[in-house]
Amino acid sequence: MMRIKQLFTVIAFASLMQACNIINPAEPTPAFIQIDTINLTTNLTTQGSASHKIVDAWVYVDNQALGAYEMPCKFPVLATGEHTIYIQGGILLNGINATHLQYPYYKFVDKTVNLKPGEVVKIDNLSTSYIDNLTFPLMEDFSGLFSFEKSSNSPVGMLGEFDASQGMEGGYGVVRLDSGIYNFEVKSKEMILPNNGTNVFLEMNYKNSAPFLVILQATDPFGNVINNAIITLNTKTEWNKIYIELKPTMQLTSTSKRFRVLFGMQRTDASTNESFYFDNVKVVHN
């Protein structure tokens, strides 16, 4: 009788283990994809500089969303064999580290890869470009006569300079506040923008020794001029690229189609000298 009980115990244990294997089957070994950088290619004449700040890869495998990964990255893929990988560049919306955006105006890049369990496929030489049929109502690289002028209440305006030691591409714009000067404000040329829910972005490179405001100026159908602050940009000692969404601010004056971009600051202590640098200022929409 004892032997029979032992036999039943062995059979029951084996059955239990088999059931556990059914409930918790062995997990498949993933393949891995590695992406270090995504570059940007532009038509300099019609799209301006190829300066960018693409920080994320938004990845799709055979049109199925896999995820967004901050580069450089290596991530698992539960697939084997030949597959098409679609990748779109992602940016920090309004320069905020916590706000990652799949930038709608960069094209998807597709690569065909052969995935093998446990192996890493490194995708090199990725380069995207702007999608087709975009409009650039403002595209300023400060290489000649430029489209920013000082506002009537500003004691100083923007100067165009070229200094290779500043480390940017060719010319750039600069506003300098000497001690004793409390404010500045410069404005772009007037633009006609679609105020119908279309995505509109301001792209630019900048560095600054003190914070300054980015403002969107709207002129309504009756000629009223309204200034709406968008964002304050903190000090950057090195050139930075930022993508600023204009649509929410545009819709504060929903009947307006005429806009300007303004940069400015007001300080209470004018004991120091401050400098504000700008380059590759673009407004882009489809």
C-alpha atoms as a PDB file:
ATOM      1  CA  MET A   1       0.000   0.000   0.000  1.00  0.00           C
ATOM      2  CA  MET A   2       2.888   2.360   0.822  1.00  0.00           C
ATOM      3  CA  ARG A   3       4.433   1.732  -2.624  1.00  0.00           C
ATOM      4  CA  ILE A   4       1.104   2.499  -4.328  1.00  0.00           C
ATOM      5  CA  LYS A   5       0.845   5.786  -2.404  1.00  0.00           C
ATOM      6  CA  GLN A   6       4.402   6.670  -3.419  1.00  0.00           C
ATOM      7  CA  LEU A   7       3.603   5.902  -7.049  1.00  0.00           C
ATOM      8  CA  PHE A   8       0.529   8.136  -6.948  1.00  0.00           C
ATOM      9  CA  THR A   9       2.647  10.860  -5.374  1.00  0.00           C
ATOM     10  CA  VAL A  10       5.228  10.656  -8.192  1.00  0.00           C
ATOM     11  CA  ILE A  11       2.494  10.692 -10.853  1.00  0.00           C
ATOM     12  CA  ALA A  12       0.751  13.647  -9.205  1.00  0.00           C
ATOM     13  CA  PHE A  13       4.016  15.603  -8.950  1.00  0.00           C
ATOM     14  CA  ALA A  14       4.845  14.904 -12.602  1.00  0.00           C
ATOM     15  CA  SER A  15       1.363  16.017 -13.637  1.00  0.00           C
ATOM     16  CA  LEU A  16       1.725  19.182 -11.602  1.00  0.00           C
ATOM     17  CA  MET A  17       5.064  19.999 -13.198  1.00  0.00           C
ATOM     18  CA  GLN A  18       3.590  19.423 -16.663  1.00  0.00           C
ATOM     19  CA  ALA A  19       0.691  21.740 -15.811  1.00  0.00           C
ATOM     20  CA  CYS A  20       3.146  24.385 -14.633  1.00  0.00           C
ATOM     21  CA  ASN A  21       4.989  24.140 -17.942  1.00  0.00           C
ATOM     22  CA  ILE A  22       1.694  24.680 -19.780  1.00  0.00           C
ATOM     23  CA  ILE A  23       0.805  27.673 -17.611  1.00  0.00           C
ATOM     24  CA  ASN A  24       4.352  29.107 -17.697  1.00  0.00           C
ATOM     25  CA  PRO A  25       5.851  27.973 -21.007  1.00  0.00           C
ATOM     26  CA  ALA A  26       9.507  28.701 -21.757  1.00  0.00           C
ATOM     27  CA  GLU A  27       9.888  32.254 -23.013  1.00  0.00           C
ATOM     28  CA  PRO A  28      11.318  32.673 -26.524  1.00  0.00           C
ATOM     29  CA  THR A  29      14.740  34.257 -26.891  1.00  0.00           C
ATOM     30  CA  PRO A  30      14.449  37.730 -28.473  1.00  0.00           C
ATOM     31  CA  ALA A  31      16.602  39.254 -31.154  1.00  0.00           C
ATOM     32  CA  PHE A  32      17.958  42.756 -30.532  1.00  0.00           C
ATOM     33  CA  ILE A  33      18.154  45.945 -32.580  1.00  0.00           C
ATOM     34  CA  GLN A  34      20.695  48.676 -31.852  1.00  0.00           C
ATOM     35  CA  ILE A  35      20.286  52.289 -33.057  1.00  0.00           C
ATOM     36  CA  ASP A  36      22.824  54.923 -32.025  1.00  0.00           C
ATOM     37  CA  THR A  37      21.879  58.034 -34.020  1.00  0.00           C
ATOM     38  CA  ILE A  38      19.500  59.402 -36.634  1.00  0.00           C
ATOM     39  CA  ASN A  39      20.755  62.239 -38.826  1.00  0.00           C
ATOM     40  CA  LEU A  40      18.857  64.773 -40.915  1.00  0.00           C
ATOM     41  CA  THR A  41      19.363  65.616 -44.584  1.00  0.00           C
ATOM     42  CA  THR A  42      17.839  68.776 -46.075  1.00  0.00           C
ATOM     43  CA  ASN A  43      17.722  70.771 -49.265  1.00  0.00           C
ATOM     44  CA  LEU A  44      19.625  73.819 -48.030  1.00  0.00           C
ATOM     45  CA  THR A  45      17.927  76.182 -50.471  1.00  0.00           C
ATOM     46  CA  THR A  46      14.319  75.202 -49.799  1.00  0.00           C
ATOM     47  CA  GLN A  47      14.486  73.698 -46.286  1.00  0.00           C
ATOM     48  CA  GLY A  48      17.432  75.385 -44.623  1.00  0.00           C
ATOM     49  CA  SER A  49      19.999  73.885 -42.280  1.00  0.00           C
ATOM     50  CA  ALA A  50      20.188  70.202 -41.410  1.00  0.00           C
ATOM     51  CA  SER A  51      20.777  71.069 -37.750  1.00  0.00           C
ATOM     52  CA  HIS A  52      18.594  68.840 -35.580  1.00  0.00           C
ATOM     53  CA  LYS A  53      18.129  67.386 -32.121  1.00  0.00           C
ATOM     54  CA  ILE A  54      16.692  63.931 -32.784  1.00  0.00           C
ATOM     55  CA  VAL A  55      16.895  62.133 -29.458  1.00  0.00           C
ATOM     56  CA  ASP A  56      14.496  59.186 -29.862  1.00  0.00           C
ATOM     57  CA  ALA A  57      13.834  56.372 -32.300  1.00  0.00           C
ATOM     58  CA  TRP A  58      10.135  55.521 -32.657  1.00  0.00           C
ATOM     59  CA  VAL A  59      10.147  51.959 -33.978  1.00  0.00           C
ATOM     60  CA  TYR A  60       7.622  49.836 -35.863  1.00  0.00           C
ATOM     61  CA  VAL A  61       8.140  46.223 -36.954  1.00  0.00           C
ATOM     62  CA  ASP A  62       6.092  45.340 -40.046  1.00  0.00           C
ATOM     63  CA  ASN A  63       3.793  48.318 -39.255  1.00  0.00           C
ATOM     64  CA  GLN A  64       3.248  47.192 -35.648  1.00  0.00           C
ATOM     65  CA  ALA A  65       4.335  49.762 -33.055  1.00  0.00           C
ATOM     66  CA  LEU A  66       7.193  48.458 -30.918  1.00  0.00           C
ATOM     67  CA  GLY A  67       8.045  51.519 -28.815  1.00  0.00           C
ATOM     68  CA  ALA A  68      10.037  54.725 -28.466  1.00  0.00           C
ATOM     69  CA  TYR A  69      13.671  54.470 -27.405  1.00  0.00           C
ATOM     70  CA  GLU A  70      16.077  57.190 -26.340  1.00  0.00           C
ATOM     71  CA  MET A  71      19.273  56.884 -28.360  1.00  0.00           C
ATOM     72  CA  PRO A  72      21.732  55.273 -28.217  1.00  0.00           C
ATOM     73  CA  CYS A  73      19.538  52.262 -27.600  1.00  0.00           C
ATOM     74  CA  LYS A  74      19.376  48.476 -27.835  1.00  0.00           C
ATOM     75  CA  PHE A  75      15.984  46.819 -27.493  1.00  0.00           C
ATOM     76  CA  PRO A  76      14.510  43.298 -27.817  1.00  0.00           C
ATOM     77  CA  VAL A  77      12.282  42.119 -30.656  1.00  0.00           C
ATOM     78  CA  LEU A  78      10.246  38.925 -30.384  1.00  0.00           C
ATOM     79  CA  ALA A  79      10.496  38.091 -34.062  1.00  0.00           C
ATOM     80  CA  THR A  80      12.775  36.042 -36.263  1.00  0.00           C
ATOM     81  CA  GLY A  81      13.646  36.070 -39.929  1.00  0.00           C
ATOM     82  CA  GLU A  82      13.391  38.941 -42.371  1.00  0.00           C
ATOM     83  CA  HIS A  83      11.319  41.942 -41.296  1.00  0.00           C
ATOM     84  CA  THR A  84      10.935  45.584 -42.267  1.00  0.00           C
ATOM     85  CA  ILE A  85      11.759  48.058 -39.502  1.00  0.00           C
ATOM     86  CA  TYR A  86      10.211  51.543 -39.767  1.00  0.00           C
ATOM     87  CA  ILE A  87      11.887  54.274 -37.718  1.00  0.00           C
ATOM     88  CA  GLN A  88      10.860  57.895 -37.151  1.00  0.00           C
ATOM     89  CA  GLY A  89      12.917  60.500 -35.325  1.00  0.00           C
ATOM     90  CA  GLY A  90      11.629  61.884 -32.038  1.00  0.00           C
ATOM     91  CA  ILE A  91      12.315  65.221 -30.363  1.00  0.00           C
ATOM     92  CA  LEU A  92      11.771  66.964 -27.024  1.00  0.00           C
ATOM     93  CA  LEU A  93       8.665  69.103 -27.437  1.00  0.00           C
ATOM     94  CA  ASN A  94       9.378  72.678 -26.287  1.00  0.00           C
ATOM     95  CA  GLY A  95      12.725  71.431 -24.988  1.00  0.00           C
ATOM     96  CA  ILE A  96      11.082  69.638 -22.040  1.00  0.00           C
ATOM     97  CA  ASN A  97      12.902  66.435 -21.079  1.00  0.00           C
ATOM     98  CA  ALA A  98       9.699  64.720 -19.982  1.00  0.00           C
ATOM     99  CA  THR A  99       7.830  65.477 -23.221  1.00  0.00           C
ATOM    100  CA  HIS A 100       8.983  63.220 -26.060  1.00  0.00           C
ATOM    101  CA  LEU A 101       7.278  63.693 -29.430  1.00  0.00           C
ATOM    102  CA  GLN A 102       7.308  61.652 -32.605  1.00  0.00           C
ATOM    103  CA  TYR A 103       8.123  64.626 -34.846  1.00  0.00           C
ATOM    104  CA  PRO A 104       5.445  64.635 -37.557  1.00  0.00           C
ATOM    105  CA  TYR A 105       7.549  66.553 -40.073  1.00  0.00           C
ATOM    106  CA  TYR A 106      10.366  63.974 -40.280  1.00  0.00           C
ATOM    107  CA  LYS A 107       9.958  61.035 -42.660  1.00  0.00           C
ATOM    108  CA  PHE A 108       9.969  57.413 -41.601  1.00  0.00           C
ATOM    109  CA  VAL A 109      13.115  55.491 -42.501  1.00  0.00           C
ATOM    110  CA  ASP A 110      12.683  51.814 -43.370  1.00  0.00           C
ATOM    111  CA  LYS A 111      15.280  49.070 -43.145  1.00  0.00           C
ATOM    112  CA  THR A 112      14.969  45.368 -43.927  1.00  0.00           C
ATOM    113  CA  VAL A 113      16.732  43.234 -41.321  1.00  0.00           C
ATOM    114  CA  ASN A 114      17.234  39.539 -40.632  1.00  0.00           C
ATOM    115  CA  LEU A 115      16.483  38.851 -36.977  1.00  0.00           C
ATOM    116  CA  LYS A 116      17.991  35.871 -35.144  1.00  0.00           C
ATOM    117  CA  PRO A 117      17.338  34.936 -31.490  1.00  0.00           C
ATOM    118  CA  GLY A 118      20.012  36.293 -29.185  1.00  0.00           C
ATOM    119  CA  GLU A 119      21.783  38.268 -31.919  1.00  0.00           C
ATOM    120  CA  VAL A 120      22.105  42.069 -32.209  1.00  0.00           C
ATOM    121  CA  VAL A 121      21.364  43.866 -35.482  1.00  0.00           C
ATOM    122  CA  LYS A 122      22.979  47.298 -35.504  1.00  0.00           C
ATOM    123  CA  ILE A 123      21.286  49.769 -37.847  1.00  0.00           C
ATOM    124  CA  ASP A 124      23.877  52.345 -38.924  1.00  0.00           C
ATOM    125  CA  ASN A 125      23.849  55.396 -41.189  1.00  0.00           C
ATOM    126  CA  LEU A 126      20.232  56.317 -40.527  1.00  0.00           C
ATOM    127  CA  SER A 127      19.235  59.633 -42.062  1.00  0.00           C
ATOM    128  CA  THR A 128      15.773  61.123 -42.288  1.00  0.00           C
ATOM    129  CA  SER A 129      14.482  64.200 -44.114  1.00  0.00           C
ATOM    130  CA  TYR A 130      11.508  66.529 -43.966  1.00  0.00           C
ATOM    131  CA  ILE A 131       8.244  65.141 -45.313  1.00  0.00           C
ATOM    132  CA  ASP A 132       7.110  66.420 -48.697  1.00  0.00           C
ATOM    133  CA  ASN A 133       5.045  69.528 -49.337  1.00  0.00           C
ATOM    134  CA  LEU A 134       5.993  71.467 -46.216  1.00  0.00           C
ATOM    135  CA  THR A 135       5.891  75.254 -46.087  1.00  0.00           C
ATOM    136  CA  PHE A 136       8.638  77.345 -44.477  1.00  0.00           C
ATOM    137  CA  PRO A 137       7.207  80.858 -44.057  1.00  0.00           C
ATOM    138  CA  LEU A 138      10.259  81.803 -41.957  1.00  0.00           C
ATOM    139  CA  MET A 139      13.710  80.401 -42.698  1.00  0.00           C
ATOM    140  CA  GLU A 140      16.504  82.565 -41.330  1.00  0.00           C
ATOM    141  CA  ASP A 141      20.162  81.520 -41.316  1.00  0.00           C
ATOM    142  CA  PHE A 142      21.625  85.031 -40.903  1.00  0.00           C
ATOM    143  CA  SER A 143      23.906  84.609 -43.909  1.00  0.00           C
ATOM    144  CA  GLY A 144      22.958  87.971 -45.422  1.00  0.00           C
ATOM    145  CA  LEU A 145      20.156  90.464 -44.949  1.00  0.00           C
ATOM    146  CA  PHE A 146      17.912  88.955 -42.316  1.00  0.00           C
ATOM    147  CA  SER A 147      14.263  89.137 -41.347  1.00  0.00           C
ATOM    148  CA  PHE A 148      14.463  90.234 -37.693  1.00  0.00           C
ATOM    149  CA  GLU A 149      14.186  93.857 -36.627  1.00  0.00           C
ATOM    150  CA  LYS A 150      14.002  95.531 -33.258  1.00  0.00           C
ATOM    151  CA  SER A 151      10.619  96.463 -31.833  1.00  0.00           C
ATOM    152  CA  SER A 152       9.842 100.139 -31.317  1.00  0.00           C
ATOM    153  CA  ASN A 153      10.273  99.888 -27.543  1.00  0.00           C
ATOM    154  CA  SER A 154      13.637  98.103 -27.720  1.00  0.00           C
ATOM    155  CA  PRO A 155      16.876 100.045 -27.181  1.00  0.00           C
ATOM    156  CA  VAL A 156      18.895  97.434 -29.079  1.00  0.00           C
ATOM    157  CA  GLY A 157      18.317  95.201 -32.072  1.00  0.00           C
ATOM    158  CA  MET A 158      19.787  92.064 -33.580  1.00  0.00           C
ATOM    159  CA  LEU A 159      23.107  92.126 -35.375  1.00  0.00           C
ATOM    160  CA  GLY A 160      24.376  89.646 -37.917  1.00  0.00           C
ATOM    161  CA  GLU A 161      27.807  88.187 -37.198  1.00  0.00           C
ATOM    162  CA  PHE A 162      30.184  85.532 -38.445  1.00  0.00           C
ATOM    163  CA  ASP A 163      32.693  84.126 -35.993  1.00  0.00           C
ATOM    164  CA  ALA A 164      33.952  80.581 -36.490  1.00  0.00           C
ATOM    165  CA  SER A 165      34.945  80.377 -32.828  1.00  0.00           C
ATOM    166  CA  GLN A 166      31.248  80.450 -31.873  1.00  0.00           C
ATOM    167  CA  GLY A 167      30.950  76.999 -33.403  1.00  0.00           C
ATOM    168  CA  MET A 168      27.777  77.433 -35.449  1.00  0.00           C
ATOM    169  CA  GLU A 169      27.206  77.211 -39.217  1.00  0.00           C
ATOM    170  CA  GLY A 170      28.301  80.432 -40.898  1.00  0.00           C
ATOM    171  CA  GLY A 171      26.527  83.587 -39.803  1.00  0.00           C
ATOM    172  CA  TYR A 172      24.266  83.961 -36.796  1.00  0.00           C
ATOM    173  CA  GLY A 173      22.209  86.666 -35.141  1.00  0.00           C
ATOM    174  CA  VAL A 174      23.166  88.189 -31.815  1.00  0.00           C
ATOM    175  CA  VAL A 175      21.584  90.638 -29.364  1.00  0.00           C
ATOM    176  CA  ARG A 176      23.884  92.187 -26.779  1.00  0.00           C
ATOM    177  CA  LEU A 177      22.738  93.913 -23.627  1.00  0.00           C
ATOM    178  CA  ASP A 178      25.457  96.074 -22.130  1.00  0.00           C
ATOM    179  CA  SER A 179      25.282  97.110 -18.506  1.00  0.00           C
ATOM    180  CA  GLY A 180      22.687  99.821 -18.050  1.00  0.00           C
ATOM    181  CA  ILE A 181      20.341  98.358 -20.701  1.00  0.00           C
ATOM    182  CA  TYR A 182      17.274  96.737 -19.170  1.00  0.00           C
ATOM    183  CA  ASN A 183      15.467  95.110 -22.070  1.00  0.00           C
ATOM    184  CA  PHE A 184      15.389  94.058 -25.674  1.00  0.00           C
ATOM    185  CA  GLU A 185      12.765  92.826 -28.130  1.00  0.00           C
ATOM    186  CA  VAL A 186      13.275  91.739 -31.733  1.00  0.00           C
ATOM    187  CA  LYS A 187      10.614  90.508 -34.132  1.00  0.00           C
ATOM    188  CA  SER A 188      10.515  88.473 -37.315  1.00  0.00           C
ATOM    189  CA  LYS A 189       8.863  89.440 -40.560  1.00  0.00           C
ATOM    190  CA  GLU A 190       5.088  88.952 -40.617  1.00  0.00           C
ATOM    191  CA  MET A 191       3.877  85.513 -41.676  1.00  0.00           C
ATOM    192  CA  ILE A 192       0.524  84.170 -42.821  1.00  0.00           C
ATOM    193  CA  LEU A 193      -0.047  80.926 -40.908  1.00  0.00           C
ATOM    194  CA  PRO A 194      -2.905  78.381 -40.985  1.00  0.00           C
ATOM    195  CA  ASN A 195      -4.855  78.864 -37.762  1.00  0.00           C
ATOM    196  CA  ASN A 196      -7.124  75.871 -38.283  1.00  0.00           C
ATOM    197  CA  GLY A 197      -5.565  73.234 -36.035  1.00  0.00           C
ATOM    198  CA  THR A 198      -2.650  72.497 -38.339  1.00  0.00           C
ATOM    199  CA  ASN A 199       0.628  71.706 -36.600  1.00  0.00           C
ATOM    200  CA  VAL A 200       2.991  74.690 -36.740  1.00  0.00           C
ATOM    201  CA  PHE A 201       6.476  74.493 -35.247  1.00  0.00           C
ATOM    202  CA  LEU A 202       9.239  76.976 -34.564  1.00  0.00           C
ATOM    203  CA  GLU A 203      12.683  75.395 -34.864  1.00  0.00           C
ATOM    204  CA  MET A 204      15.874  77.215 -33.931  1.00  0.00           C
ATOM    205  CA  ASN A 205      19.384  77.050 -32.551  1.00  0.00           C
ATOM    206  CA  TYR A 206      20.283  79.382 -29.717  1.00  0.00           C
ATOM    207  CA  LYS A 207      22.606  80.019 -26.808  1.00  0.00           C
ATOM    208  CA  ASN A 208      22.180  82.707 -24.182  1.00  0.00           C
ATOM    209  CA  SER A 209      23.867  84.023 -21.064  1.00  0.00           C
ATOM    210  CA  ALA A 210      20.512  84.923 -19.443  1.00  0.00           C
ATOM    211  CA  PRO A 211      16.888  83.730 -19.824  1.00  0.00           C
ATOM    212  CA  PHE A 212      14.706  85.222 -22.548  1.00  0.00           C
ATOM    213  CA  LEU A 213      11.121  84.937 -23.741  1.00  0.00           C
ATOM    214  CA  VAL A 214       9.772  83.496 -26.979  1.00  0.00           C
ATOM    215  CA  ILE A 215       6.585  85.369 -27.886  1.00  0.00           C
ATOM    216  CA  LEU A 216       4.037  84.914 -30.652  1.00  0.00           C
ATOM    217  CA  GLN A 217       2.554  88.171 -31.890  1.00  0.00           C
ATOM    218  CA  ALA A 218      -0.827  87.962 -33.606  1.00  0.00           C
ATOM    219  CA  THR A 219      -2.632  90.632 -35.603  1.00  0.00           C
ATOM    220  CA  ASP A 220      -6.388  90.076 -35.732  1.00  0.00           C
ATOM    221  CA  PRO A 221      -8.679  91.026 -38.641  1.00  0.00           C
ATOM    222  CA  PHE A 222      -9.353  94.423 -37.010  1.00  0.00           C
ATOM    223  CA  GLY A 223      -5.661  95.276 -36.813  1.00  0.00           C
ATOM    224  CA  ASN A 224      -5.295  94.659 -33.089  1.00  0.00           C
ATOM    225  CA  VAL A 225      -1.838  93.384 -32.104  1.00  0.00           C
ATOM    226  CA  ILE A 226      -1.710  90.770 -29.330  1.00  0.00           C
ATOM    227  CA  ASN A 227       1.475  89.386 -27.800  1.00  0.00           C
ATOM    228  CA  ASN A 228       1.262  85.924 -26.206  1.00  0.00           C
ATOM    229  CA  ALA A 229       4.301  84.529 -24.397  1.00  0.00           C
ATOM    230  CA  ILE A 230       5.048  80.904 -25.307  1.00  0.00           C
ATOM    231  CA  ILE A 231       8.063  79.874 -23.272  1.00  0.00           C
ATOM    232  CA  THR A 232      11.018  81.177 -21.285  1.00  0.00           C
ATOM    233  CA  LEU A 233      14.331  79.682 -22.392  1.00  0.00           C
ATOM    234  CA  ASN A 234      16.900  79.317 -19.666  1.00  0.00           C
ATOM    235  CA  THR A 235      20.611  79.953 -19.988  1.00  0.00           C
ATOM    236  CA  LYS A 236      22.524  77.731 -22.424  1.00  0.00           C
ATOM    237  CA  THR A 237      26.282  78.092 -22.592  1.00  0.00           C
ATOM    238  CA  GLU A 238      26.457  75.848 -25.695  1.00  0.00           C
ATOM    239  CA  TRP A 239      24.327  75.962 -28.844  1.00  0.00           C
ATOM    240  CA  ASN A 240      21.025  74.166 -28.348  1.00  0.00           C
ATOM    241  CA  LYS A 241      18.336  73.107 -30.811  1.00  0.00           C
ATOM    242  CA  ILE A 242      14.690  73.440 -29.813  1.00  0.00           C
ATOM    243  CA  TYR A 243      11.308  72.615 -31.389  1.00  0.00           C
ATOM    244  CA  ILE A 244       8.498  74.859 -30.125  1.00  0.00           C
ATOM    245  CA  GLU A 245       4.846  74.113 -30.857  1.00  0.00           C
ATOM    246  CA  LEU A 246       3.011  77.270 -31.977  1.00  0.00           C
ATOM    247  CA  LYS A 247      -0.494  75.866 -32.545  1.00  0.00           C
ATOM    248  CA  PRO A 248      -1.832  76.197 -28.947  1.00  0.00           C
ATOM    249  CA  THR A 249      -0.696  79.823 -28.732  1.00  0.00           C
ATOM    250  CA  MET A 250      -2.043  80.634 -32.194  1.00  0.00           C
ATOM    251  CA  GLN A 251      -5.481  79.404 -31.169  1.00  0.00           C
ATOM    252  CA  LEU A 252      -5.619  81.948 -28.334  1.00  0.00           C
ATOM    253  CA  THR A 253      -6.373  84.426 -31.135  1.00  0.00           C
ATOM    254  CA  SER A 254      -8.381  82.055 -33.303  1.00  0.00           C
ATOM    255  CA  THR A 255      -9.388  84.639 -35.918  1.00  0.00           C
ATOM    256  CA  SER A 256      -5.794  85.715 -36.585  1.00  0.00           C
ATOM    257  CA  LYS A 257      -3.749  84.539 -39.535  1.00  0.00           C
ATOM    258  CA  ARG A 258      -0.973  87.139 -39.378  1.00  0.00           C
ATOM    259  CA  PHE A 259       1.834  86.342 -36.953  1.00  0.00           C
ATOM    260  CA  ARG A 260       5.378  87.267 -35.960  1.00  0.00           C
ATOM    261  CA  VAL A 261       7.888  85.502 -33.725  1.00  0.00           C
ATOM    262  CA  LEU A 262       9.438  87.735 -31.041  1.00  0.00           C
ATOM    263  CA  PHE A 263      12.423  87.239 -28.755  1.00  0.00           C
ATOM    264  CA  GLY A 264      12.807  89.493 -25.758  1.00  0.00           C
ATOM    265  CA  MET A 265      13.650  89.986 -22.100  1.00  0.00           C
ATOM    266  CA  GLN A 266      13.141  92.527 -19.311  1.00  0.00           C
ATOM    267  CA  ARG A 267      15.463  92.640 -16.323  1.00  0.00           C
ATOM    268  CA  THR A 268      15.525  94.531 -13.052  1.00  0.00           C
ATOM    269  CA  ASP A 269      19.291  94.374 -12.551  1.00  0.00           C
ATOM    270  CA  ALA A 270      21.267  95.842 -15.455  1.00  0.00           C
ATOM    271  CA  SER A 271      24.714  95.572 -13.884  1.00  0.00           C
ATOM    272  CA  THR A 272      25.968  92.805 -16.214  1.00  0.00           C
ATOM    273  CA  ASN A 273      26.601  92.338 -19.922  1.00  0.00           C
ATOM    274  CA  GLU A 274      24.475  89.624 -21.548  1.00  0.00           C
ATOM    275  CA  SER A 275      24.472  88.038 -25.016  1.00  0.00           C
ATOM    276  CA  PHE A 276      21.760  86.138 -26.926  1.00  0.00           C
ATOM    277  CA  TYR A 277      22.649  84.144 -30.055  1.00  0.00           C
ATOM    278  CA  PHE A 278      20.259  82.794 -32.706  1.00  0.00           C
ATOM    279  CA  ASP A 279      20.617  80.691 -35.848  1.00  0.00           C
ATOM    280  CA  ASN A 280      18.584  78.540 -38.241  1.00  0.00           C
ATOM    281  CA  VAL A 281      15.263  80.016 -37.146  1.00  0.00           C
ATOM    282  CA  LYS A 282      12.451  78.256 -39.024  1.00  0.00           C
ATOM    283  CA  VAL A 283       8.681  78.198 -38.877  1.00  0.00           C
ATOM    284  CA  VAL A 284       7.323  75.087 -40.586  1.00  0.00           C
ATOM    285  CA  HIS A 285       3.863  73.706 -41.303  1.00  0.00           C
ATOM    286  CA  ASN A 286       2.105  71.509 -43.864  1.00  0.00           C
END
